[in-house]
Structures are given as C-alpha cells and as structure tokens.
Full PDB file with SEQRES, HELIX, SHEET, SSBOND, CRYST1, ORIGX, SCALE, CONECT and MASTER records, all heavy atoms in Angstrom:
SEQRES   1 A   35  ALA GLY PHE PRO VAL LEU ALA GLY GLY ALA ALA PHE GLY          
SEQRES   2 A   35  PRO GLN GLY ARG TYR ALA ARG LEU MET ARG ALA GLU TRP          
SEQRES   3 A   35  ALA LYS ASP ALA PRO ASP ALA ALA ALA                          
HELIX    1 AA1 ALA A   10  PHE A   12  5                                   3    
HELIX    2 AA2 PRO A   14  GLY A   16  5                                   3    
HELIX    3 AA3 ARG A   17  LEU A   21  1                                   5    
HELIX    4 AA4 ALA A   30  ALA A   34  1                                   5    
SHEET    1 AA1 2 LEU A   6  GLY A   8  0                                        
SHEET    2 AA1 2 GLU A  25  ALA A  27  1                                        
CRYST1    1.000    1.000    1.000  90.00  90.00  90.00 P 1           1          
ORIGX1      1.000000  0.000000  0.000000        0.00000                         
ORIGX2      0.000000  1.000000  0.000000        0.00000                         
ORIGX3      0.000000  0.000000  1.000000        0.00000                         
SCALE1      1.000000  0.000000  0.000000        0.00000                         
SCALE2      0.000000  1.000000  0.000000        0.00000                         
SCALE3      0.000000  0.000000  1.000000        0.00000                         
ATOM      1  N   ALA A   1       0.810  -1.226  -0.022  1.00  0.00           N  
ATOM      2  CA  ALA A   1       0.008   0.000  -0.011  1.00  0.00           C  
ATOM      3  C   ALA A   1       0.876   1.244  -0.002  1.00  0.00           C  
ATOM      4  O   ALA A   1       0.352   2.367   0.031  1.00  0.00           O  
ATOM      5  CB  ALA A   1      -0.921   0.001   1.219  1.00  0.00           C  
ATOM      6  N   GLY A   2       2.203   1.095   0.001  1.00  0.00           N  
ATOM      7  CA  GLY A   2       3.094   2.243  -0.080  1.00  0.00           C  
ATOM      8  C   GLY A   2       3.507   2.849   1.241  1.00  0.00           C  
ATOM      9  O   GLY A   2       4.033   3.951   1.253  1.00  0.00           O  
ATOM     10  N   PHE A   3       3.276   2.125   2.341  1.00  0.00           N  
ATOM     11  CA  PHE A   3       3.658   2.639   3.643  1.00  0.00           C  
ATOM     12  C   PHE A   3       4.978   2.044   4.098  1.00  0.00           C  
ATOM     13  O   PHE A   3       5.260   0.879   3.909  1.00  0.00           O  
ATOM     14  CB  PHE A   3       2.603   2.236   4.723  1.00  0.00           C  
ATOM     15  CG  PHE A   3       1.317   2.965   4.510  1.00  0.00           C  
ATOM     16  CD1 PHE A   3       0.233   2.324   3.871  1.00  0.00           C  
ATOM     17  CD2 PHE A   3       1.130   4.249   4.982  1.00  0.00           C  
ATOM     18  CE1 PHE A   3      -0.935   2.975   3.668  1.00  0.00           C  
ATOM     19  CE2 PHE A   3      -0.076   4.889   4.821  1.00  0.00           C  
ATOM     20  CZ  PHE A   3      -1.112   4.292   4.143  1.00  0.00           C  
ATOM     21  N   PRO A   4       5.845   2.875   4.709  1.00  0.00           N  
ATOM     22  CA  PRO A   4       7.101   2.368   5.277  1.00  0.00           C  
ATOM     23  C   PRO A   4       6.765   1.498   6.503  1.00  0.00           C  
ATOM     24  O   PRO A   4       5.737   1.674   7.158  1.00  0.00           O  
ATOM     25  CB  PRO A   4       7.871   3.630   5.660  1.00  0.00           C  
ATOM     26  CG  PRO A   4       6.827   4.668   5.875  1.00  0.00           C  
ATOM     27  CD  PRO A   4       5.696   4.301   4.919  1.00  0.00           C  
ATOM     28  N   VAL A   5       7.631   0.577   6.825  1.00  0.00           N  
ATOM     29  CA  VAL A   5       7.416  -0.341   7.916  1.00  0.00           C  
ATOM     30  C   VAL A   5       8.618  -0.303   8.923  1.00  0.00           C  
ATOM     31  O   VAL A   5       9.749  -0.386   8.464  1.00  0.00           O  
ATOM     32  CB  VAL A   5       7.194  -1.777   7.442  1.00  0.00           C  
ATOM     33  CG1 VAL A   5       7.035  -2.750   8.562  1.00  0.00           C  
ATOM     34  CG2 VAL A   5       5.993  -1.839   6.488  1.00  0.00           C  
ATOM     35  N   LEU A   6       8.274  -0.246  10.177  1.00  0.00           N  
ATOM     36  CA  LEU A   6       9.253  -0.332  11.237  1.00  0.00           C  
ATOM     37  C   LEU A   6       8.932  -1.556  12.086  1.00  0.00           C  
ATOM     38  O   LEU A   6       7.830  -1.634  12.612  1.00  0.00           O  
ATOM     39  CB  LEU A   6       9.249   0.927  12.104  1.00  0.00           C  
ATOM     40  CG  LEU A   6      10.135   0.919  13.357  1.00  0.00           C  
ATOM     41  CD1 LEU A   6      11.594   0.715  12.999  1.00  0.00           C  
ATOM     42  CD2 LEU A   6       9.918   2.173  14.167  1.00  0.00           C  
ATOM     43  N   ALA A   7       9.832  -2.532  12.110  1.00  0.00           N  
ATOM     44  CA  ALA A   7       9.638  -3.700  12.907  1.00  0.00           C  
ATOM     45  C   ALA A   7      10.618  -3.629  14.101  1.00  0.00           C  
ATOM     46  O   ALA A   7      11.625  -2.986  14.019  1.00  0.00           O  
ATOM     47  CB  ALA A   7       9.934  -4.952  12.092  1.00  0.00           C  
ATOM     48  N   GLY A   8      10.270  -4.279  15.199  1.00  0.00           N  
ATOM     49  CA  GLY A   8      11.168  -4.189  16.316  1.00  0.00           C  
ATOM     50  C   GLY A   8      11.219  -5.406  17.202  1.00  0.00           C  
ATOM     51  O   GLY A   8      10.332  -6.221  17.215  1.00  0.00           O  
ATOM     52  N   GLY A   9      12.352  -5.517  17.877  1.00  0.00           N  
ATOM     53  CA  GLY A   9      12.523  -6.532  18.867  1.00  0.00           C  
ATOM     54  C   GLY A   9      13.312  -7.725  18.444  1.00  0.00           C  
ATOM     55  O   GLY A   9      13.678  -7.887  17.258  1.00  0.00           O  
ATOM     56  N   ALA A  10      13.585  -8.575  19.410  1.00  0.00           N  
ATOM     57  CA  ALA A  10      14.418  -9.744  19.198  1.00  0.00           C  
ATOM     58  C   ALA A  10      13.786 -10.824  18.267  1.00  0.00           C  
ATOM     59  O   ALA A  10      14.488 -11.629  17.687  1.00  0.00           O  
ATOM     60  CB  ALA A  10      14.788 -10.376  20.530  1.00  0.00           C  
ATOM     61  N   ALA A  11      12.483 -10.804  18.164  1.00  0.00           N  
ATOM     62  CA  ALA A  11      11.822 -11.822  17.338  1.00  0.00           C  
ATOM     63  C   ALA A  11      12.252 -11.709  15.872  1.00  0.00           C  
ATOM     64  O   ALA A  11      12.113 -12.726  15.128  1.00  0.00           O  
ATOM     65  CB  ALA A  11      10.275 -11.636  17.401  1.00  0.00           C  
ATOM     66  N   PHE A  12      12.788 -10.592  15.467  1.00  0.00           N  
ATOM     67  CA  PHE A  12      13.189 -10.418  14.070  1.00  0.00           C  
ATOM     68  C   PHE A  12      14.637 -10.832  13.848  1.00  0.00           C  
ATOM     69  O   PHE A  12      15.231 -10.546  12.822  1.00  0.00           O  
ATOM     70  CB  PHE A  12      12.956  -8.979  13.596  1.00  0.00           C  
ATOM     71  CG  PHE A  12      11.506  -8.707  13.352  1.00  0.00           C  
ATOM     72  CD1 PHE A  12      10.724  -8.185  14.369  1.00  0.00           C  
ATOM     73  CD2 PHE A  12      10.918  -9.052  12.151  1.00  0.00           C  
ATOM     74  CE1 PHE A  12       9.370  -7.963  14.175  1.00  0.00           C  
ATOM     75  CE2 PHE A  12       9.558  -8.836  11.927  1.00  0.00           C  
ATOM     76  CZ  PHE A  12       8.743  -8.275  12.937  1.00  0.00           C  
ATOM     77  N   GLY A  13      15.202 -11.602  14.788  1.00  0.00           N  
ATOM     78  CA  GLY A  13      16.538 -12.181  14.609  1.00  0.00           C  
ATOM     79  C   GLY A  13      17.653 -11.269  15.046  1.00  0.00           C  
ATOM     80  O   GLY A  13      17.441 -10.080  15.334  1.00  0.00           O  
ATOM     81  N   PRO A  14      18.847 -11.812  15.039  1.00  0.00           N  
ATOM     82  CA  PRO A  14      20.072 -11.008  15.404  1.00  0.00           C  
ATOM     83  C   PRO A  14      20.186  -9.824  14.469  1.00  0.00           C  
ATOM     84  O   PRO A  14      20.159  -9.976  13.236  1.00  0.00           O  
ATOM     85  CB  PRO A  14      21.187 -11.991  15.219  1.00  0.00           C  
ATOM     86  CG  PRO A  14      20.628 -13.340  15.080  1.00  0.00           C  
ATOM     87  CD  PRO A  14      19.201 -13.149  14.642  1.00  0.00           C  
ATOM     88  N   GLN A  15      20.327  -8.628  15.047  1.00  0.00           N  
ATOM     89  CA  GLN A  15      20.468  -7.399  14.277  1.00  0.00           C  
ATOM     90  C   GLN A  15      19.338  -7.143  13.254  1.00  0.00           C  
ATOM     91  O   GLN A  15      19.569  -6.544  12.249  1.00  0.00           O  
ATOM     92  CB  GLN A  15      21.821  -7.374  13.566  1.00  0.00           C  
ATOM     93  CG  GLN A  15      23.012  -7.486  14.521  1.00  0.00           C  
ATOM     94  CD  GLN A  15      23.050  -6.339  15.511  1.00  0.00           C  
ATOM     95  OE1 GLN A  15      22.881  -5.182  15.160  1.00  0.00           O  
ATOM     96  NE2 GLN A  15      23.167  -6.664  16.789  1.00  0.00           N  
ATOM     97  N   GLY A  16      18.134  -7.703  13.519  1.00  0.00           N  
ATOM     98  CA  GLY A  16      17.010  -7.475  12.672  1.00  0.00           C  
ATOM     99  C   GLY A  16      17.060  -8.200  11.331  1.00  0.00           C  
ATOM    100  O   GLY A  16      16.489  -7.768  10.351  1.00  0.00           O  
ATOM    101  N   ARG A  17      17.776  -9.339  11.309  1.00  0.00           N  
ATOM    102  CA  ARG A  17      17.953 -10.090  10.092  1.00  0.00           C  
ATOM    103  C   ARG A  17      16.652 -10.296   9.291  1.00  0.00           C  
ATOM    104  O   ARG A  17      16.586 -10.090   8.111  1.00  0.00           O  
ATOM    105  CB  ARG A  17      18.619 -11.420  10.439  1.00  0.00           C  
ATOM    106  CG  ARG A  17      18.857 -12.316   9.221  1.00  0.00           C  
ATOM    107  CD  ARG A  17      19.438 -13.651   9.732  1.00  0.00           C  
ATOM    108  NE  ARG A  17      20.010 -14.525   8.782  1.00  0.00           N  
ATOM    109  CZ  ARG A  17      19.389 -15.191   7.813  1.00  0.00           C  
ATOM    110  NH1 ARG A  17      18.150 -15.039   7.624  1.00  0.00           N  
ATOM    111  NH2 ARG A  17      20.015 -16.009   7.018  1.00  0.00           N  
ATOM    112  N   TYR A  18      15.596 -10.771   9.972  1.00  0.00           N  
ATOM    113  CA  TYR A  18      14.373 -11.089   9.269  1.00  0.00           C  
ATOM    114  C   TYR A  18      13.628  -9.829   8.844  1.00  0.00           C  
ATOM    115  O   TYR A  18      13.026  -9.811   7.788  1.00  0.00           O  
ATOM    116  CB  TYR A  18      13.501 -12.024  10.125  1.00  0.00           C  
ATOM    117  CG  TYR A  18      14.217 -13.288  10.455  1.00  0.00           C  
ATOM    118  CD1 TYR A  18      14.499 -13.661  11.759  1.00  0.00           C  
ATOM    119  CD2 TYR A  18      14.621 -14.174   9.438  1.00  0.00           C  
ATOM    120  CE1 TYR A  18      15.187 -14.819  12.041  1.00  0.00           C  
ATOM    121  CE2 TYR A  18      15.298 -15.338   9.698  1.00  0.00           C  
ATOM    122  CZ  TYR A  18      15.577 -15.659  11.024  1.00  0.00           C  
ATOM    123  OH  TYR A  18      16.286 -16.811  11.314  1.00  0.00           O  
ATOM    124  N   ALA A  19      13.701  -8.786   9.657  1.00  0.00           N  
ATOM    125  CA  ALA A  19      13.070  -7.541   9.276  1.00  0.00           C  
ATOM    126  C   ALA A  19      13.723  -6.998   7.986  1.00  0.00           C  
ATOM    127  O   ALA A  19      13.017  -6.572   7.053  1.00  0.00           O  
ATOM    128  CB  ALA A  19      13.192  -6.517  10.383  1.00  0.00           C  
ATOM    129  N   ARG A  20      15.018  -7.095   7.920  1.00  0.00           N  
ATOM    130  CA  ARG A  20      15.740  -6.618   6.712  1.00  0.00           C  
ATOM    131  C   ARG A  20      15.422  -7.475   5.505  1.00  0.00           C  
ATOM    132  O   ARG A  20      15.346  -6.963   4.387  1.00  0.00           O  
ATOM    133  CB  ARG A  20      17.228  -6.547   7.008  1.00  0.00           C  
ATOM    134  CG  ARG A  20      17.566  -5.369   7.928  1.00  0.00           C  
ATOM    135  CD  ARG A  20      19.056  -5.279   8.226  1.00  0.00           C  
ATOM    136  NE  ARG A  20      19.506  -4.139   8.973  1.00  0.00           N  
ATOM    137  CZ  ARG A  20      19.085  -3.738  10.176  1.00  0.00           C  
ATOM    138  NH1 ARG A  20      18.129  -4.388  10.772  1.00  0.00           N  
ATOM    139  NH2 ARG A  20      19.621  -2.707  10.764  1.00  0.00           N  
ATOM    140  N   LEU A  21      15.315  -8.768   5.705  1.00  0.00           N  
ATOM    141  CA  LEU A  21      14.902  -9.632   4.585  1.00  0.00           C  
ATOM    142  C   LEU A  21      13.526  -9.245   4.033  1.00  0.00           C  
ATOM    143  O   LEU A  21      13.281  -9.391   2.838  1.00  0.00           O  
ATOM    144  CB  LEU A  21      14.880 -11.106   5.006  1.00  0.00           C  
ATOM    145  CG  LEU A  21      16.254 -11.795   5.134  1.00  0.00           C  
ATOM    146  CD1 LEU A  21      16.065 -13.174   5.777  1.00  0.00           C  
ATOM    147  CD2 LEU A  21      16.897 -11.901   3.759  1.00  0.00           C  
ATOM    148  N   MET A  22      12.712  -8.753   4.910  1.00  0.00           N  
ATOM    149  CA  MET A  22      11.357  -8.299   4.505  1.00  0.00           C  
ATOM    150  C   MET A  22      11.333  -6.846   4.098  1.00  0.00           C  
ATOM    151  O   MET A  22      10.292  -6.275   3.878  1.00  0.00           O  
ATOM    152  CB  MET A  22      10.367  -8.538   5.615  1.00  0.00           C  
ATOM    153  CG  MET A  22      10.153 -10.003   5.947  1.00  0.00           C  
ATOM    154  SD  MET A  22       8.926 -10.215   7.209  1.00  0.00           S  
ATOM    155  CE  MET A  22       9.839 -11.169   8.421  1.00  0.00           C  
ATOM    156  N   ARG A  23      12.498  -6.240   3.947  1.00  0.00           N  
ATOM    157  CA  ARG A  23      12.669  -4.850   3.536  1.00  0.00           C  
ATOM    158  C   ARG A  23      11.998  -3.856   4.490  1.00  0.00           C  
ATOM    159  O   ARG A  23      11.461  -2.837   4.074  1.00  0.00           O  
ATOM    160  CB  ARG A  23      12.128  -4.619   2.115  1.00  0.00           C  
ATOM    161  CG  ARG A  23      12.669  -5.553   1.078  1.00  0.00           C  
ATOM    162  CD  ARG A  23      13.960  -5.050   0.481  1.00  0.00           C  
ATOM    163  NE  ARG A  23      14.310  -5.763  -0.721  1.00  0.00           N  
ATOM    164  CZ  ARG A  23      15.140  -6.847  -0.709  1.00  0.00           C  
ATOM    165  NH1 ARG A  23      15.673  -7.214   0.405  1.00  0.00           N  
ATOM    166  NH2 ARG A  23      15.454  -7.434  -1.812  1.00  0.00           N  
ATOM    167  N   ALA A  24      12.041  -4.153   5.768  1.00  0.00           N  
ATOM    168  CA  ALA A  24      11.503  -3.272   6.818  1.00  0.00           C  
ATOM    169  C   ALA A  24      12.669  -2.700   7.601  1.00  0.00           C  
ATOM    170  O   ALA A  24      13.690  -3.325   7.763  1.00  0.00           O  
ATOM    171  CB  ALA A  24      10.554  -4.054   7.751  1.00  0.00           C  
ATOM    172  N   GLU A  25      12.463  -1.516   8.102  1.00  0.00           N  
ATOM    173  CA  GLU A  25      13.463  -0.932   9.082  1.00  0.00           C  
ATOM    174  C   GLU A  25      13.337  -1.719  10.355  1.00  0.00           C  
ATOM    175  O   GLU A  25      12.236  -2.293  10.692  1.00  0.00           O  
ATOM    176  CB  GLU A  25      13.114   0.509   9.364  1.00  0.00           C  
ATOM    177  CG  GLU A  25      13.413   1.442   8.200  1.00  0.00           C  
ATOM    178  CD  GLU A  25      14.884   1.637   7.936  1.00  0.00           C  
ATOM    179  OE1 GLU A  25      15.699   1.551   8.910  1.00  0.00           O  
ATOM    180  OE2 GLU A  25      15.240   1.920   6.790  1.00  0.00           O  
ATOM    181  N   TRP A  26      14.378  -1.834  11.128  1.00  0.00           N  
ATOM    182  CA  TRP A  26      14.336  -2.597  12.370  1.00  0.00           C  
ATOM    183  C   TRP A  26      14.903  -1.746  13.515  1.00  0.00           C  
ATOM    184  O   TRP A  26      15.853  -1.006  13.343  1.00  0.00           O  
ATOM    185  CB  TRP A  26      15.217  -3.864  12.255  1.00  0.00           C  
ATOM    186  CG  TRP A  26      15.265  -4.635  13.467  1.00  0.00           C  
ATOM    187  CD1 TRP A  26      14.306  -5.477  14.002  1.00  0.00           C  
ATOM    188  CD2 TRP A  26      16.364  -4.735  14.396  1.00  0.00           C  
ATOM    189  NE1 TRP A  26      14.729  -6.028  15.185  1.00  0.00           N  
ATOM    190  CE2 TRP A  26      16.016  -5.605  15.426  1.00  0.00           C  
ATOM    191  CE3 TRP A  26      17.620  -4.164  14.416  1.00  0.00           C  
ATOM    192  CZ2 TRP A  26      16.846  -5.915  16.482  1.00  0.00           C  
ATOM    193  CZ3 TRP A  26      18.449  -4.458  15.467  1.00  0.00           C  
ATOM    194  CH2 TRP A  26      18.062  -5.326  16.489  1.00  0.00           C  
ATOM    195  N   ALA A  27      14.241  -1.832  14.661  1.00  0.00           N  
ATOM    196  CA  ALA A  27      14.688  -1.156  15.883  1.00  0.00           C  
ATOM    197  C   ALA A  27      14.870  -2.220  16.968  1.00  0.00           C  
ATOM    198  O   ALA A  27      14.007  -3.066  17.146  1.00  0.00           O  
ATOM    199  CB  ALA A  27      13.678  -0.111  16.312  1.00  0.00           C  
ATOM    200  N   LYS A  28      15.989  -2.170  17.687  1.00  0.00           N  
ATOM    201  CA  LYS A  28      16.241  -3.144  18.699  1.00  0.00           C  
ATOM    202  C   LYS A  28      15.421  -2.921  19.938  1.00  0.00           C  
ATOM    203  O   LYS A  28      15.112  -3.830  20.699  1.00  0.00           O  
ATOM    204  CB  LYS A  28      17.726  -3.203  19.081  1.00  0.00           C  
ATOM    205  CG  LYS A  28      18.269  -1.944  19.647  1.00  0.00           C  
ATOM    206  CD  LYS A  28      19.714  -2.007  19.932  1.00  0.00           C  
ATOM    207  CE  LYS A  28      20.184  -0.647  20.398  1.00  0.00           C  
ATOM    208  NZ  LYS A  28      21.614  -0.512  20.402  1.00  0.00           N  
ATOM    209  N   ASP A  29      15.018  -1.623  20.197  1.00  0.00           N  
ATOM    210  CA  ASP A  29      14.248  -1.301  21.356  1.00  0.00           C  
ATOM    211  C   ASP A  29      13.528   0.015  21.178  1.00  0.00           C  
ATOM    212  O   ASP A  29      13.610   0.629  20.094  1.00  0.00           O  
ATOM    213  CB  ASP A  29      15.159  -1.201  22.605  1.00  0.00           C  
ATOM    214  CG  ASP A  29      16.360  -0.273  22.413  1.00  0.00           C  
ATOM    215  OD1 ASP A  29      16.279   0.648  21.591  1.00  0.00           O  
ATOM    216  OD2 ASP A  29      17.357  -0.462  23.155  1.00  0.00           O  
ATOM    217  N   ALA A  30      12.775   0.486  22.185  1.00  0.00           N  
ATOM    218  CA  ALA A  30      11.997   1.692  22.028  1.00  0.00           C  
ATOM    219  C   ALA A  30      12.804   2.954  21.739  1.00  0.00           C  
ATOM    220  O   ALA A  30      12.412   3.705  20.843  1.00  0.00           O  
ATOM    221  CB  ALA A  30      11.126   1.873  23.293  1.00  0.00           C  
ATOM    222  N   PRO A  31      13.917   3.168  22.423  1.00  0.00           N  
ATOM    223  CA  PRO A  31      14.717   4.384  22.060  1.00  0.00           C  
ATOM    224  C   PRO A  31      15.224   4.341  20.650  1.00  0.00           C  
ATOM    225  O   PRO A  31      15.239   5.360  19.976  1.00  0.00           O  
ATOM    226  CB  PRO A  31      15.888   4.353  23.089  1.00  0.00           C  
ATOM    227  CG  PRO A  31      15.342   3.564  24.241  1.00  0.00           C  
ATOM    228  CD  PRO A  31      14.458   2.517  23.675  1.00  0.00           C  
ATOM    229  N   ASP A  32      15.618   3.164  20.190  1.00  0.00           N  
ATOM    230  CA  ASP A  32      16.046   3.005  18.779  1.00  0.00           C  
ATOM    231  C   ASP A  32      14.898   3.290  17.837  1.00  0.00           C  
ATOM    232  O   ASP A  32      15.062   3.950  16.813  1.00  0.00           O  
ATOM    233  CB  ASP A  32      16.608   1.600  18.595  1.00  0.00           C  
ATOM    234  CG  ASP A  32      17.391   1.470  17.324  1.00  0.00           C  
ATOM    235  OD1 ASP A  32      18.036   2.440  16.877  1.00  0.00           O  
ATOM    236  OD2 ASP A  32      17.398   0.301  16.790  1.00  0.00           O  
ATOM    237  N   ALA A  33      13.699   2.822  18.156  1.00  0.00           N  
ATOM    238  CA  ALA A  33      12.530   3.077  17.314  1.00  0.00           C  
ATOM    239  C   ALA A  33      12.201   4.584  17.272  1.00  0.00           C  
ATOM    240  O   ALA A  33      11.911   5.131  16.201  1.00  0.00           O  
ATOM    241  CB  ALA A  33      11.312   2.290  17.855  1.00  0.00           C  
ATOM    242  N   ALA A  34      12.331   5.267  18.413  1.00  0.00           N  
ATOM    243  CA  ALA A  34      12.058   6.679  18.452  1.00  0.00           C  
ATOM    244  C   ALA A  34      13.054   7.416  17.581  1.00  0.00           C  
ATOM    245  O   ALA A  34      12.674   8.377  16.876  1.00  0.00           O  
ATOM    246  CB  ALA A  34      12.099   7.197  19.893  1.00  0.00           C  
ATOM    247  N   ALA A  35      14.287   7.033  17.587  1.00  0.00           N  
ATOM    248  CA  ALA A  35      15.319   7.666  16.766  1.00  0.00           C  
ATOM    249  C   ALA A  35      15.000   7.471  15.284  1.00  0.00           C  
ATOM    250  O   ALA A  35      15.110   8.414  14.471  1.00  0.00           O  
ATOM    251  CB  ALA A  35      16.681   7.113  17.081  1.00  0.00           C  
TER     252      ALA A  35                                                      
MASTER        0    0    0    4    2    0    0    6  251    1    0    3          
END                                                                             
C-alpha cells in the first residue's frame, strides 16, 4: 500500500535479520525506534 514499515525486537533475529529480509526498518528497542 506504499507505507514504510518499522519492525522491532528480538523476534526479528540477530540485528534485525528477518526484518531486513522483509525490507523493513528494524529497531532493537523503544529508544532506537524513536530515533
């Protein structure tokens, strides 16, 4: 639908591996997400 995606947390693998495979931004925690 054209929206950017921010995924977060350990469920997305080490250093956000799975989030990146899905072409989503990844944040390790809330402060990182806010940044």
